[in-house]
C-alpha atoms as a PDB file:
ATOM      1  CA  MET A   1      13.727  21.072  -7.806  1.00  0.00           C
ATOM      2  CA  LYS A   2      10.957  18.976  -6.386  1.00  0.00           C
ATOM      3  CA  LYS A   3       8.849  20.637  -3.757  1.00  0.00           C
ATOM      4  CA  ARG A   4       9.588  19.233  -0.328  1.00  0.00           C
ATOM      5  CA  SER A   5       6.781  18.370   2.031  1.00  0.00           C
ATOM      6  CA  LEU A   6       6.433  20.327   5.234  1.00  0.00           C
ATOM      7  CA  ASN A   7       6.942  17.266   7.427  1.00  0.00           C
ATOM      8  CA  ARG A   8      10.092  16.191   5.657  1.00  0.00           C
ATOM      9  CA  ALA A   9      11.560  19.712   5.578  1.00  0.00           C
ATOM     10  CA  LEU A  10      10.807  20.249   9.265  1.00  0.00           C
ATOM     11  CA  ALA A  11      12.365  16.932  10.308  1.00  0.00           C
ATOM     12  CA  ALA A  12      15.441  17.552   8.139  1.00  0.00           C
ATOM     13  CA  SER A  13      15.861  21.114   9.461  1.00  0.00           C
ATOM     14  CA  ILE A  14      15.734  19.977  13.083  1.00  0.00           C
ATOM     15  CA  LEU A  15      18.284  17.218  12.463  1.00  0.00           C
ATOM     16  CA  LEU A  16      20.641  19.512  10.523  1.00  0.00           C
ATOM     17  CA  LEU A  17      20.410  22.365  13.012  1.00  0.00           C
ATOM     18  CA  THR A  18      20.939  20.111  16.021  1.00  0.00           C
ATOM     19  CA  GLY A  19      23.814  18.249  14.395  1.00  0.00           C
ATOM     20  CA  PHE A  20      25.721  21.340  13.258  1.00  0.00           C
ATOM     21  CA  LEU A  21      25.138  23.097  16.573  1.00  0.00           C
ATOM     22  CA  LEU A  22      26.543  20.191  18.601  1.00  0.00           C
ATOM     23  CA  LEU A  23      29.439  19.830  16.155  1.00  0.00           C
ATOM     24  CA  PHE A  24      30.422  23.506  16.368  1.00  0.00           C
ATOM     25  CA  ILE A  25      30.168  23.488  20.164  1.00  0.00           C
ATOM     26  CA  ASN A  26      32.366  20.376  20.433  1.00  0.00           C
ATOM     27  CA  ILE A  27      35.125  21.746  18.168  1.00  0.00           C
ATOM     28  CA  GLY A  28      35.020  25.199  19.751  1.00  0.00           C
ATOM     29  CA  VAL A  29      33.776  27.133  16.724  1.00  0.00           C
ATOM     30  CA  ILE A  30      30.820  28.495  18.688  1.00  0.00           C
ATOM     31  CA  SER A  31      31.959  30.567  21.636  1.00  0.00           C
ATOM     32  CA  LEU A  32      30.167  30.736  24.955  1.00  0.00           C
ATOM     33  CA  GLU A  33      28.716  34.165  24.086  1.00  0.00           C
ATOM     34  CA  ILE A  34      27.255  32.964  20.782  1.00  0.00           C
ATOM     35  CA  LYS A  35      25.845  29.877  22.492  1.00  0.00           C
ATOM     36  CA  GLU A  36      24.151  32.027  25.127  1.00  0.00           C
ATOM     37  CA  MET A  37      22.756  34.285  22.389  1.00  0.00           C
ATOM     38  CA  PHE A  38      21.329  31.258  20.573  1.00  0.00           C
ATOM     39  CA  VAL A  39      19.680  30.068  23.778  1.00  0.00           C
ATOM     40  CA  GLU A  40      18.039  33.497  24.091  1.00  0.00           C
ATOM     41  CA  VAL A  41      16.867  33.666  20.472  1.00  0.00           C
ATOM     42  CA  TYR A  42      15.647  30.133  19.645  1.00  0.00           C
ATOM     43  CA  PRO A  43      12.314  30.418  21.568  1.00  0.00           C
ATOM     44  CA  ILE A  44      11.405  33.421  19.392  1.00  0.00           C
ATOM     45  CA  LEU A  45      12.202  31.442  16.235  1.00  0.00           C
ATOM     46  CA  LEU A  46      10.059  28.544  17.452  1.00  0.00           C
ATOM     47  CA  LEU A  47       7.240  30.966  18.288  1.00  0.00           C
ATOM     48  CA  LEU A  48       7.307  32.432  14.767  1.00  0.00           C
ATOM     49  CA  ALA A  49       7.320  28.952  13.236  1.00  0.00           C
ATOM     50  CA  GLY A  50       4.374  27.928  15.417  1.00  0.00           C
ATOM     51  CA  VAL A  51       2.348  31.004  14.439  1.00  0.00           C
ATOM     52  CA  TYR A  52       3.054  30.315  10.754  1.00  0.00           C
ATOM     53  CA  LEU A  53       1.874  26.710  11.060  1.00  0.00           C
ATOM     54  CA  LEU A  54      -1.247  27.738  12.976  1.00  0.00           C
ATOM     55  CA  VAL A  55      -2.186  30.340  10.357  1.00  0.00           C
ATOM     56  CA  SER A  56      -1.475  27.777   7.631  1.00  0.00           C
ATOM     57  CA  TYR A  57      -3.821  25.312   9.313  1.00  0.00           C
ATOM     58  CA  PHE A  58      -6.781  27.685   9.444  1.00  0.00           C
ATOM     59  CA  SER A  59      -6.219  28.585   5.787  1.00  0.00           C
ATOM     60  CA  ARG A  60      -5.685  25.033   4.476  1.00  0.00           C
ATOM     61  CA  LYS A  61      -7.069  22.768   7.226  1.00  0.00           C
ATOM     62  CA  SER A  62      -3.998  20.560   7.571  1.00  0.00           C
ATOM     63  CA  GLY A  63      -4.219  18.557  10.788  1.00  0.00           C
ATOM     64  CA  ASN A  64      -0.515  17.963  11.447  1.00  0.00           C
ATOM     65  CA  LYS A  65       0.181  21.716  11.063  1.00  0.00           C
ATOM     66  CA  LEU A  66      -2.315  22.454  13.815  1.00  0.00           C
ATOM     67  CA  PHE A  67      -0.723  20.057  16.282  1.00  0.00           C
ATOM     68  CA  ILE A  68       2.896  21.031  15.546  1.00  0.00           C
ATOM     69  CA  GLY A  69       2.024  24.743  15.519  1.00  0.00           C
ATOM     70  CA  LEU A  70       0.151  24.483  18.812  1.00  0.00           C
ATOM     71  CA  PHE A  71       3.055  22.608  20.380  1.00  0.00           C
ATOM     72  CA  LEU A  72       5.702  25.095  19.173  1.00  0.00           C
ATOM     73  CA  ILE A  73       3.705  28.123  20.326  1.00  0.00           C
ATOM     74  CA  THR A  74       3.105  26.655  23.780  1.00  0.00           C
ATOM     75  CA  TYR A  75       6.672  25.449  24.241  1.00  0.00           C
ATOM     76  CA  SER A  76       8.305  28.675  23.013  1.00  0.00           C
ATOM     77  CA  THR A  77       5.948  30.860  25.078  1.00  0.00           C
ATOM     78  CA  LEU A  78       6.679  28.906  28.256  1.00  0.00           C
ATOM     79  CA  SER A  79      10.416  29.065  27.471  1.00  0.00           C
ATOM     80  CA  LEU A  80      10.253  32.866  27.177  1.00  0.00           C
ATOM     81  CA  ILE A  81       8.221  33.181  30.374  1.00  0.00           C
ATOM     82  CA  SER A  82      10.680  30.957  32.258  1.00  0.00           C
ATOM     83  CA  LYS A  83      13.515  33.374  31.422  1.00  0.00           C
ATOM     84  CA  PHE A  84      11.823  36.222  33.281  1.00  0.00           C
ATOM     85  CA  THR A  85      10.102  34.274  36.062  1.00  0.00           C
ATOM     86  CA  ASN A  86      10.748  31.307  38.293  1.00  0.00           C
ATOM     87  CA  LEU A  87       8.628  29.042  36.084  1.00  0.00           C
ATOM     88  CA  ASP A  88      10.196  25.609  35.766  1.00  0.00           C
ATOM     89  CA  PHE A  89       8.732  23.078  33.324  1.00  0.00           C
ATOM     90  CA  LYS A  90       9.761  20.019  31.354  1.00  0.00           C
ATOM     91  CA  ILE A  91       8.812  19.232  27.772  1.00  0.00           C
ATOM     92  CA  TRP A  92       6.864  16.121  28.789  1.00  0.00           C
ATOM     93  CA  ASN A  93       4.615  18.344  30.923  1.00  0.00           C
ATOM     94  CA  LEU A  94       2.978  19.416  27.653  1.00  0.00           C
ATOM     95  CA  TRP A  95       1.203  16.094  26.996  1.00  0.00           C
ATOM     96  CA  PRO A  96      -2.255  17.642  27.758  1.00  0.00           C
ATOM     97  CA  LEU A  97      -1.844  19.465  24.431  1.00  0.00           C
ATOM     98  CA  LEU A  98      -3.007  16.234  22.803  1.00  0.00           C
ATOM     99  CA  ILE A  99      -6.352  16.594  24.572  1.00  0.00           C
ATOM    100  CA  VAL A 100      -6.556  20.251  23.519  1.00  0.00           C
ATOM    101  CA  PHE A 101      -5.760  19.231  19.956  1.00  0.00           C
ATOM    102  CA  ILE A 102      -8.519  16.622  19.906  1.00  0.00           C
ATOM    103  CA  GLY A 103     -10.976  19.227  21.184  1.00  0.00           C
ATOM    104  CA  LEU A 104      -9.994  21.686  18.459  1.00  0.00           C
ATOM    105  CA  GLN A 105     -10.402  18.967  15.843  1.00  0.00           C
ATOM    106  CA  LEU A 106     -13.940  18.281  17.041  1.00  0.00           C
ATOM    107  CA  LEU A 107     -14.737  21.997  16.726  1.00  0.00           C
ATOM    108  CA  PHE A 108     -13.184  22.757  13.338  1.00  0.00           C
ATOM    109  CA  SER A 109     -12.994  19.523  11.356  1.00  0.00           C
ATOM    110  CA  LYS A 110     -15.836  18.066   9.290  1.00  0.00           C
ATOM    111  CA  ASN A 111     -15.468  14.320   9.178  1.00  0.00           C
ATOM    112  CA  LYS A 112     -18.215  12.561   7.238  1.00  0.00           C
ATOM    113  CA  HIS A 113     -16.624   9.427   5.833  1.00  0.00           C
ATOM    114  CA  ILE A 114     -14.780   7.905   8.791  1.00  0.00           C
ATOM    115  CA  VAL A 115     -15.921   4.375   9.649  1.00  0.00           C
ATOM    116  CA  TYR A 116     -14.658   1.879  12.209  1.00  0.00           C
ATOM    117  CA  GLN A 117     -13.319  -1.393  10.880  1.00  0.00           C
ATOM    118  CA  ASP A 118     -11.435  -4.215  12.493  1.00  0.00           C
ATOM    119  CA  LYS A 119      -7.939  -4.166  11.004  1.00  0.00           C
ATOM    120  CA  THR A 120      -7.212  -7.856  11.639  1.00  0.00           C
ATOM    121  CA  GLU A 121     -10.297  -8.998   9.770  1.00  0.00           C
ATOM    122  CA  TYR A 122      -9.434  -6.637   6.930  1.00  0.00           C
ATOM    123  CA  TYR A 123      -5.953  -8.087   6.505  1.00  0.00           C
ATOM    124  CA  GLU A 124      -7.361 -11.599   6.587  1.00  0.00           C
ATOM    125  CA  ASP A 125      -9.888 -10.601   3.943  1.00  0.00           C
ATOM    126  CA  ILE A 126      -7.299  -9.199   1.534  1.00  0.00           C
ATOM    127  CA  SER A 127      -4.641 -11.853   2.148  1.00  0.00           C
ATOM    128  CA  GLY A 128      -5.823 -14.054  -0.696  1.00  0.00           C
ATOM    129  CA  SER A 129      -7.215 -11.465  -3.055  1.00  0.00           C
ATOM    130  CA  SER A 130      -3.980 -11.049  -5.003  1.00  0.00           C
ATOM    131  CA  SER A 131      -4.152 -14.634  -6.270  1.00  0.00           C
ATOM    132  CA  ASN A 132      -7.703 -14.472  -7.627  1.00  0.00           C
ATOM    133  CA  HIS A 133      -6.386 -14.382 -11.193  1.00  0.00           C
ATOM    134  CA  VAL A 134      -4.276 -17.474 -10.439  1.00  0.00           C
ATOM    135  CA  ARG A 135      -7.339 -19.339  -9.213  1.00  0.00           C
ATOM    136  CA  ASN A 136      -9.188 -18.306 -12.376  1.00  0.00           C
ATOM    137  CA  GLU A 137      -6.294 -19.573 -14.455  1.00  0.00           C
ATOM    138  CA  GLN A 138      -6.357 -22.847 -12.543  1.00  0.00           C
ATOM    139  CA  GLY A 139     -10.068 -23.260 -13.281  1.00  0.00           C
ATOM    140  CA  GLU A 140      -9.575 -22.694 -17.013  1.00  0.00           C
ATOM    141  CA  TYR A 141      -6.615 -25.088 -17.169  1.00  0.00           C
ATOM    142  CA  SER A 142      -8.444 -27.837 -15.250  1.00  0.00           C
ATOM    143  CA  GLN A 143     -11.470 -27.448 -17.507  1.00  0.00           C
ATOM    144  CA  LYS A 144      -9.343 -27.941 -20.638  1.00  0.00           C
ATOM    145  CA  VAL A 145      -7.684 -31.040 -19.169  1.00  0.00           C
ATOM    146  CA  GLU A 146     -11.054 -32.518 -18.215  1.00  0.00           C
ATOM    147  CA  GLU A 147     -12.394 -31.873 -21.731  1.00  0.00           C
ATOM    148  CA  ALA A 148      -9.394 -33.706 -23.214  1.00  0.00           C
ATOM    149  CA  LEU A 149     -10.000 -36.661 -20.904  1.00  0.00           C
ATOM    150  CA  VAL A 150     -13.679 -36.781 -21.887  1.00  0.00           C
ATOM    151  CA  HIS A 151     -12.796 -36.842 -25.595  1.00  0.00           C
ATOM    152  CA  LEU A 152     -10.264 -39.585 -24.916  1.00  0.00           C
ATOM    153  CA  GLU A 153     -12.823 -41.729 -23.080  1.00  0.00           C
ATOM    154  CA  ASN A 154     -15.312 -41.279 -25.930  1.00  0.00           C
ATOM    155  CA  GLY A 155     -12.629 -42.434 -28.350  1.00  0.00           C
ATOM    156  CA  LYS A 156     -11.990 -45.512 -26.213  1.00  0.00           C
ATOM    157  CA  VAL A 157     -15.679 -46.430 -26.235  1.00  0.00           C
ATOM    158  CA  LYS A 158     -15.895 -46.187 -30.025  1.00  0.00           C
ATOM    159  CA  LEU A 159     -12.640 -48.113 -30.488  1.00  0.00           C
ATOM    160  CA  ARG A 160     -13.892 -50.926 -28.244  1.00  0.00           C
ATOM    161  CA  GLU A 161     -16.996 -51.264 -30.423  1.00  0.00           C
ATOM    162  CA  VAL A 162     -14.883 -51.404 -33.596  1.00  0.00           C
ATOM    163  CA  ASP A 163     -12.477 -53.865 -32.001  1.00  0.00           C
ATOM    164  CA  LYS A 164     -15.342 -56.126 -30.913  1.00  0.00           C
ATOM    165  CA  GLN A 165     -16.923 -56.084 -34.369  1.00  0.00           C
ATOM    166  CA  THR A 166     -13.645 -56.879 -36.135  1.00  0.00           C
ATOM    167  CA  ARG A 167     -12.861 -59.786 -33.815  1.00  0.00           C
ATOM    168  CA  GLU A 168     -16.320 -61.267 -34.361  1.00  0.00           C
ATOM    169  CA  ASN A 169     -15.899 -61.014 -38.153  1.00  0.00           C
ATOM    170  CA  THR A 170     -13.425 -63.711 -39.148  1.00  0.00           C
ATOM    171  CA  SER A 171     -13.208 -62.456 -42.726  1.00  0.00           C
ATOM    172  CA  ILE A 172     -11.381 -59.242 -41.713  1.00  0.00           C
ATOM    173  CA  ASP A 173      -7.694 -59.192 -42.519  1.00  0.00           C
ATOM    174  CA  GLY A 174      -5.162 -59.423 -39.692  1.00  0.00           C
ATOM    175  CA  ILE A 175      -3.682 -56.094 -40.771  1.00  0.00           C
ATOM    176  CA  ILE A 176      -6.842 -54.377 -39.569  1.00  0.00           C
ATOM    177  CA  HIS A 177      -6.410 -55.973 -36.150  1.00  0.00           C
ATOM    178  CA  GLN A 178      -2.826 -54.716 -36.055  1.00  0.00           C
ATOM    179  CA  GLN A 179      -3.949 -51.187 -36.926  1.00  0.00           C
ATOM    180  CA  ILE A 180      -6.494 -51.301 -34.111  1.00  0.00           C
ATOM    181  CA  GLU A 181      -3.751 -52.397 -31.708  1.00  0.00           C
ATOM    182  CA  ASN A 182      -1.650 -49.444 -32.859  1.00  0.00           C
ATOM    183  CA  VAL A 183      -4.543 -47.063 -32.209  1.00  0.00           C
ATOM    184  CA  TRP A 184      -4.938 -48.536 -28.707  1.00  0.00           C
ATOM    185  CA  ALA A 185      -1.245 -47.923 -28.076  1.00  0.00           C
ATOM    186  CA  GLN A 186      -1.587 -44.308 -29.203  1.00  0.00           C
ATOM    187  CA  ILE A 187      -4.634 -43.813 -26.977  1.00  0.00           C
ATOM    188  CA  ASN A 188      -2.814 -45.214 -23.940  1.00  0.00           C
ATOM    189  CA  LYS A 189       0.162 -42.976 -24.705  1.00  0.00           C
ATOM    190  CA  SER A 190      -2.158 -39.961 -24.999  1.00  0.00           C
ATOM    191  CA  GLN A 191      -3.689 -40.913 -21.648  1.00  0.00           C
ATOM    192  CA  GLU A 192      -0.268 -40.877 -20.010  1.00  0.00           C
ATOM    193  CA  THR A 193       0.597 -37.560 -21.671  1.00  0.00           C
ATOM    194  CA  ILE A 194      -2.599 -35.878 -20.473  1.00  0.00           C
ATOM    195  CA  ASN A 195      -2.082 -37.172 -16.927  1.00  0.00           C
ATOM    196  CA  SER A 196       1.487 -35.837 -16.976  1.00  0.00           C
ATOM    197  CA  LEU A 197       0.331 -32.451 -18.279  1.00  0.00           C
ATOM    198  CA  LYS A 198      -2.326 -32.342 -15.587  1.00  0.00           C
ATOM    199  CA  LEU A 199       0.275 -32.982 -12.869  1.00  0.00           C
ATOM    200  CA  ILE A 200       2.747 -30.471 -14.356  1.00  0.00           C
ATOM    201  CA  GLY A 201      -0.009 -27.882 -14.698  1.00  0.00           C
ATOM    202  CA  GLU A 202      -1.059 -28.293 -11.073  1.00  0.00           C
ATOM    203  CA  LEU A 203       2.535 -27.897  -9.885  1.00  0.00           C
ATOM    204  CA  ASP A 204       3.018 -24.836 -12.108  1.00  0.00           C
ATOM    205  CA  LEU A 205      -0.157 -23.223 -10.802  1.00  0.00           C
ATOM    206  CA  ARG A 206       0.920 -23.870  -7.221  1.00  0.00           C
ATOM    207  CA  LYS A 207       4.180 -22.057  -7.948  1.00  0.00           C
ATOM    208  CA  LYS A 208       2.296 -19.151  -9.536  1.00  0.00           C
ATOM    209  CA  ARG A 209      -0.068 -18.929  -6.576  1.00  0.00           C
ATOM    210  CA  SER A 210       2.835 -18.992  -4.137  1.00  0.00           C
ATOM    211  CA  LYS A 211       4.654 -16.332  -6.196  1.00  0.00           C
ATOM    212  CA  ALA A 212       1.560 -14.117  -6.279  1.00  0.00           C
ATOM    213  CA  LYS A 213       1.255 -14.303  -2.502  1.00  0.00           C
ATOM    214  CA  SER A 214       4.977 -13.744  -1.986  1.00  0.00           C
ATOM    215  CA  LYS A 215       4.769 -10.547  -4.048  1.00  0.00           C
ATOM    216  CA  VAL A 216       2.444  -9.184  -1.402  1.00  0.00           C
ATOM    217  CA  ARG A 217       4.505 -10.486   1.499  1.00  0.00           C
ATOM    218  CA  ASN A 218       7.836  -9.292   0.078  1.00  0.00           C
ATOM    219  CA  SER A 219       8.564  -5.930   1.647  1.00  0.00           C
ATOM    220  CA  LYS A 220      10.909  -3.150   0.645  1.00  0.00           C
ATOM    221  CA  MET A 221      12.310  -0.930   3.388  1.00  0.00           C
ATOM    222  CA  VAL A 222      13.441   2.625   2.668  1.00  0.00           C
ATOM    223  CA  THR A 223      14.908   4.588   5.585  1.00  0.00           C
ATOM    224  CA  LEU A 224      15.249   8.086   4.094  1.00  0.00           C
ATOM    225  CA  GLY A 225      14.305   9.690   0.798  1.00  0.00           C
ATOM    226  CA  SER A 226      11.313   9.561  -1.499  1.00  0.00           C
ATOM    227  CA  VAL A 227       9.564   6.652  -3.193  1.00  0.00           C
ATOM    228  CA  ASP A 228       8.360   7.688  -6.655  1.00  0.00           C
ATOM    229  CA  PHE A 229       6.341   5.772  -9.233  1.00  0.00           C
ATOM    230  CA  ASN A 230       5.852   8.523 -11.803  1.00  0.00           C
ATOM    231  CA  GLN A 231       7.748   7.272 -14.838  1.00  0.00           C
ATOM    232  CA  SER A 232       5.924   6.437 -18.063  1.00  0.00           C
ATOM    233  CA  ASN A 233       4.530   2.928 -18.629  1.00  0.00           C
ATOM    234  CA  TRP A 234       5.557   1.501 -15.273  1.00  0.00           C
ATOM    235  CA  HIS A 235       4.011  -1.890 -14.527  1.00  0.00           C
ATOM    236  CA  LEU A 236       1.789  -2.110 -11.462  1.00  0.00           C
ATOM    237  CA  GLU A 237       2.467  -5.094  -9.193  1.00  0.00           C
ATOM    238  CA  PRO A 238       1.415  -5.858  -5.597  1.00  0.00           C
ATOM    239  CA  MET A 239       3.822  -4.141  -3.205  1.00  0.00           C
ATOM    240  CA  ASN A 240       4.538  -3.744   0.490  1.00  0.00           C
ATOM    241  CA  ILE A 241       6.860  -0.807   1.301  1.00  0.00           C
ATOM    242  CA  TYR A 242       7.977   0.443   4.706  1.00  0.00           C
ATOM    243  CA  HIS A 243       9.380   3.984   4.769  1.00  0.00           C
ATOM    244  CA  GLY A 244      11.204   5.800   7.568  1.00  0.00           C
ATOM    245  CA  ILE A 245      11.182   9.518   6.706  1.00  0.00           C
ATOM    246  CA  GLY A 246      10.132  10.649   3.257  1.00  0.00           C
ATOM    247  CA  ASP A 247       7.303  10.890   0.770  1.00  0.00           C
ATOM    248  CA  TYR A 248       5.397   8.454  -1.419  1.00  0.00           C
ATOM    249  CA  SER A 249       4.333   9.580  -4.883  1.00  0.00           C
ATOM    250  CA  PHE A 250       2.261   7.430  -7.273  1.00  0.00           C
ATOM    251  CA  ASP A 251       0.874   8.421 -10.676  1.00  0.00           C
ATOM    252  CA  PHE A 252      -1.295   5.518 -11.793  1.00  0.00           C
ATOM    253  CA  ASN A 253      -2.283   7.443 -14.912  1.00  0.00           C
ATOM    254  CA  LYS A 254       1.164   6.518 -16.281  1.00  0.00           C
ATOM    255  CA  ALA A 255       1.008   2.905 -15.119  1.00  0.00           C
ATOM    256  CA  TYR A 256       0.000  -0.316 -16.829  1.00  0.00           C
ATOM    257  CA  ILE A 257      -2.754  -1.621 -14.543  1.00  0.00           C
ATOM    258  CA  PRO A 258      -3.425  -5.379 -14.868  1.00  0.00           C
ATOM    259  CA  GLU A 259      -6.919  -6.854 -14.983  1.00  0.00           C
ATOM    260  CA  ARG A 260      -7.095  -7.963 -11.373  1.00  0.00           C
ATOM    261  CA  GLU A 261      -7.177  -6.569  -7.854  1.00  0.00           C
ATOM    262  CA  THR A 262      -3.751  -5.203  -6.887  1.00  0.00           C
ATOM    263  CA  LEU A 263      -2.808  -4.717  -3.240  1.00  0.00           C
ATOM    264  CA  ILE A 264      -0.596  -1.737  -2.282  1.00  0.00           C
ATOM    265  CA  GLN A 265       0.608  -1.562   1.350  1.00  0.00           C
ATOM    266  CA  LEU A 266       2.437   1.595   2.460  1.00  0.00           C
ATOM    267  CA  LYS A 267       3.794   2.249   5.951  1.00  0.00           C
ATOM    268  CA  GLY A 268       6.076   4.904   7.411  1.00  0.00           C
ATOM    269  CA  TRP A 269       6.992   7.283  10.214  1.00  0.00           C
ATOM    270  CA  ILE A 270       7.008  10.802   8.778  1.00  0.00           C
ATOM    271  CA  GLY A 271       5.992  11.777   5.273  1.00  0.00           C
ATOM    272  CA  ASP A 272       3.255  12.500   2.776  1.00  0.00           C
ATOM    273  CA  VAL A 273       1.481  10.083   0.448  1.00  0.00           C
ATOM    274  CA  ASN A 274       0.317  11.563  -2.872  1.00  0.00           C
ATOM    275  CA  ILE A 275      -1.640   9.321  -5.248  1.00  0.00           C
ATOM    276  CA  LEU A 276      -3.190  10.107  -8.642  1.00  0.00           C
ATOM    277  CA  ILE A 277      -5.880   7.694  -9.865  1.00  0.00           C
ATOM    278  CA  PRO A 278      -7.193   7.596 -13.468  1.00  0.00           C
ATOM    279  CA  GLU A 279     -10.903   8.001 -14.095  1.00  0.00           C
ATOM    280  CA  GLY A 280     -12.661   4.656 -14.278  1.00  0.00           C
ATOM    281  CA  ILE A 281     -10.303   2.762 -11.949  1.00  0.00           C
ATOM    282  CA  PRO A 282     -12.147   1.883  -8.718  1.00  0.00           C
ATOM    283  CA  ILE A 283     -10.169   1.844  -5.476  1.00  0.00           C
ATOM    284  CA  ARG A 284     -10.532   0.680  -1.904  1.00  0.00           C
ATOM    285  CA  VAL A 285      -8.610   2.561   0.785  1.00  0.00           C
ATOM    286  CA  GLN A 286      -7.947   1.896   4.441  1.00  0.00           C
ATOM    287  CA  ALA A 287      -5.736   4.709   5.723  1.00  0.00           C
ATOM    288  CA  LYS A 288      -4.495   5.490   9.210  1.00  0.00           C
ATOM    289  CA  VAL A 289      -2.477   8.598  10.072  1.00  0.00           C
ATOM    290  CA  THR A 290      -1.779   8.961  13.790  1.00  0.00           C
ATOM    291  CA  ILE A 291      -1.182  12.702  13.497  1.00  0.00           C
ATOM    292  CA  GLY A 292      -2.210  14.232  10.220  1.00  0.00           C
ATOM    293  CA  GLU A 293      -4.792  14.388   7.480  1.00  0.00           C
ATOM    294  CA  VAL A 294      -6.376  12.044   4.957  1.00  0.00           C
ATOM    295  CA  THR A 295      -7.977  13.467   1.805  1.00  0.00           C
ATOM    296  CA  ILE A 296      -9.728  11.158  -0.664  1.00  0.00           C
ATOM    297  CA  PHE A 297     -11.251  12.879  -3.708  1.00  0.00           C
ATOM    298  CA  SER A 298     -11.639  16.232  -1.849  1.00  0.00           C
ATOM    299  CA  SER A 299     -13.174  14.608   1.242  1.00  0.00           C
ATOM    300  CA  SER A 300     -10.861  15.487   4.141  1.00  0.00           C
ATOM    301  CA  SER A 301     -10.298  14.076   7.620  1.00  0.00           C
ATOM    302  CA  ALA A 302      -7.772  15.480  10.120  1.00  0.00           C
ATOM    303  CA  HIS A 303      -7.394  13.601  13.381  1.00  0.00           C
ATOM    304  CA  VAL A 304      -4.999  12.408  16.058  1.00  0.00           C
ATOM    305  CA  PHE A 305      -5.147   8.862  17.421  1.00  0.00           C
ATOM    306  CA  GLY A 306      -8.406   8.575  15.528  1.00  0.00           C
ATOM    307  CA  PRO A 307     -10.139   5.705  13.740  1.00  0.00           C
ATOM    308  CA  ASN A 308      -9.148   4.337  10.382  1.00  0.00           C
ATOM    309  CA  VAL A 309     -10.462   6.121   7.309  1.00  0.00           C
ATOM    310  CA  TYR A 310     -12.170   3.701   4.930  1.00  0.00           C
ATOM    311  CA  PHE A 311     -13.261   4.375   1.362  1.00  0.00           C
ATOM    312  CA  GLU A 312     -14.556   2.119  -1.395  1.00  0.00           C
ATOM    313  CA  SER A 313     -15.519   3.158  -4.922  1.00  0.00           C
ATOM    314  CA  PRO A 314     -18.967   2.196  -6.227  1.00  0.00           C
ATOM    315  CA  HIS A 315     -19.050  -1.199  -7.981  1.00  0.00           C
ATOM    316  CA  TYR A 316     -15.575  -2.018  -6.664  1.00  0.00           C
ATOM    317  CA  GLU A 317     -16.266  -5.727  -6.219  1.00  0.00           C
ATOM    318  CA  GLU A 318     -17.540  -6.147  -9.799  1.00  0.00           C
ATOM    319  CA  ALA A 319     -14.629  -4.301 -11.427  1.00  0.00           C
ATOM    320  CA  VAL A 320     -11.910  -6.152 -13.327  1.00  0.00           C
ATOM    321  CA  LYS A 321      -9.164  -3.561 -12.802  1.00  0.00           C
ATOM    322  CA  LYS A 322      -9.040  -2.267  -9.228  1.00  0.00           C
ATOM    323  CA  ILE A 323      -6.486  -1.180  -6.622  1.00  0.00           C
ATOM    324  CA  ASP A 324      -6.598  -1.905  -2.892  1.00  0.00           C
ATOM    325  CA  PHE A 325      -4.625   0.508  -0.649  1.00  0.00           C
ATOM    326  CA  VAL A 326      -3.616  -0.106   2.971  1.00  0.00           C
ATOM    327  CA  ILE A 327      -1.789   2.971   4.320  1.00  0.00           C
ATOM    328  CA  ASP A 328      -0.387   3.417   7.829  1.00  0.00           C
ATOM    329  CA  MET A 329       1.614   6.578   8.626  1.00  0.00           C
ATOM    330  CA  MET A 330       2.611   7.989  12.003  1.00  0.00           C
ATOM    331  CA  ILE A 331       2.860  11.673  11.010  1.00  0.00           C
ATOM    332  CA  GLY A 332       1.931  13.062   7.626  1.00  0.00           C
ATOM    333  CA  GLU A 333      -0.745  13.594   5.021  1.00  0.00           C
ATOM    334  CA  VAL A 334      -2.438  11.180   2.649  1.00  0.00           C
ATOM    335  CA  LYS A 335      -3.921  12.705  -0.498  1.00  0.00           C
ATOM    336  CA  ILE A 336      -5.667  10.729  -3.248  1.00  0.00           C
ATOM    337  CA  ASP A 337      -6.959  12.566  -6.333  1.00  0.00           C
ATOM    338  CA  LYS A 338      -8.437  11.667  -9.712  1.00  0.00           C
ATOM    339  CA  VAL A 339      -6.560  12.667 -12.840  1.00  0.00           C
END
């Protein structure tokens, strides 16, 4: 069975526990005594979970584990204290924990590769990149059409000279004049054909360019579950996926990667993003995780409400095959490794 991420398992456990508890209370399966016992015990369970997450953070440096662990420990401790004292607090009174969390991140995290970048300008910059290969195709097609027109004009010039010479020479048979007229008719027909092909080609290229852009704009929304691209010989295309709760998993070592820049946009609420990149394929990454961690080739950054993490492989612009990632997650981890 596939290993579940911590974020997904935690969210699912909370939903299942809350749902079953409310269901059993409503249908009378849980008695008042059992309900009171649960109220007494759940702070201890939350405290143990918080301690586990905190220990896990200091052993693995996972940013979202630190925040969730700190929150659970504080909330469960205050809940236990309130049972034996007159302490009265609400859950929203714990918002200063965000400030504490930021302070702990400054003390324990080592962020070297975070850079600030305007997100609007970035999206404008990448908006047309997916159709570069279409523009290249248009240039090659136009060049071939222009070459055909040049050859046709050269043929017209030579035919005019022959036609002039034959008309000046009265001894030439009329059949020759008729053959020249036939050649002129063929040239004019070729001219019309080339002009038609030029128009059809331009319309076809416009459709291809529009289709290439629409592939980036077309979005797929997944509410729950995982998004996996791990099968053999899957074909890489530009994609824009919005995920509710769940994980992304990409193995580009098994993919057919086209010779162009491919844009991958991933967004979601809660979940992990795991990406495997083959050696020799340059990438560009702009990743934002509101609460969590971003790891690109063993370089880690854990933050909360922090700046975007930006990475670009050497010689990215000159590469033929390359992948451009734009990742935006609310809670989770982003991990990109080389195969």
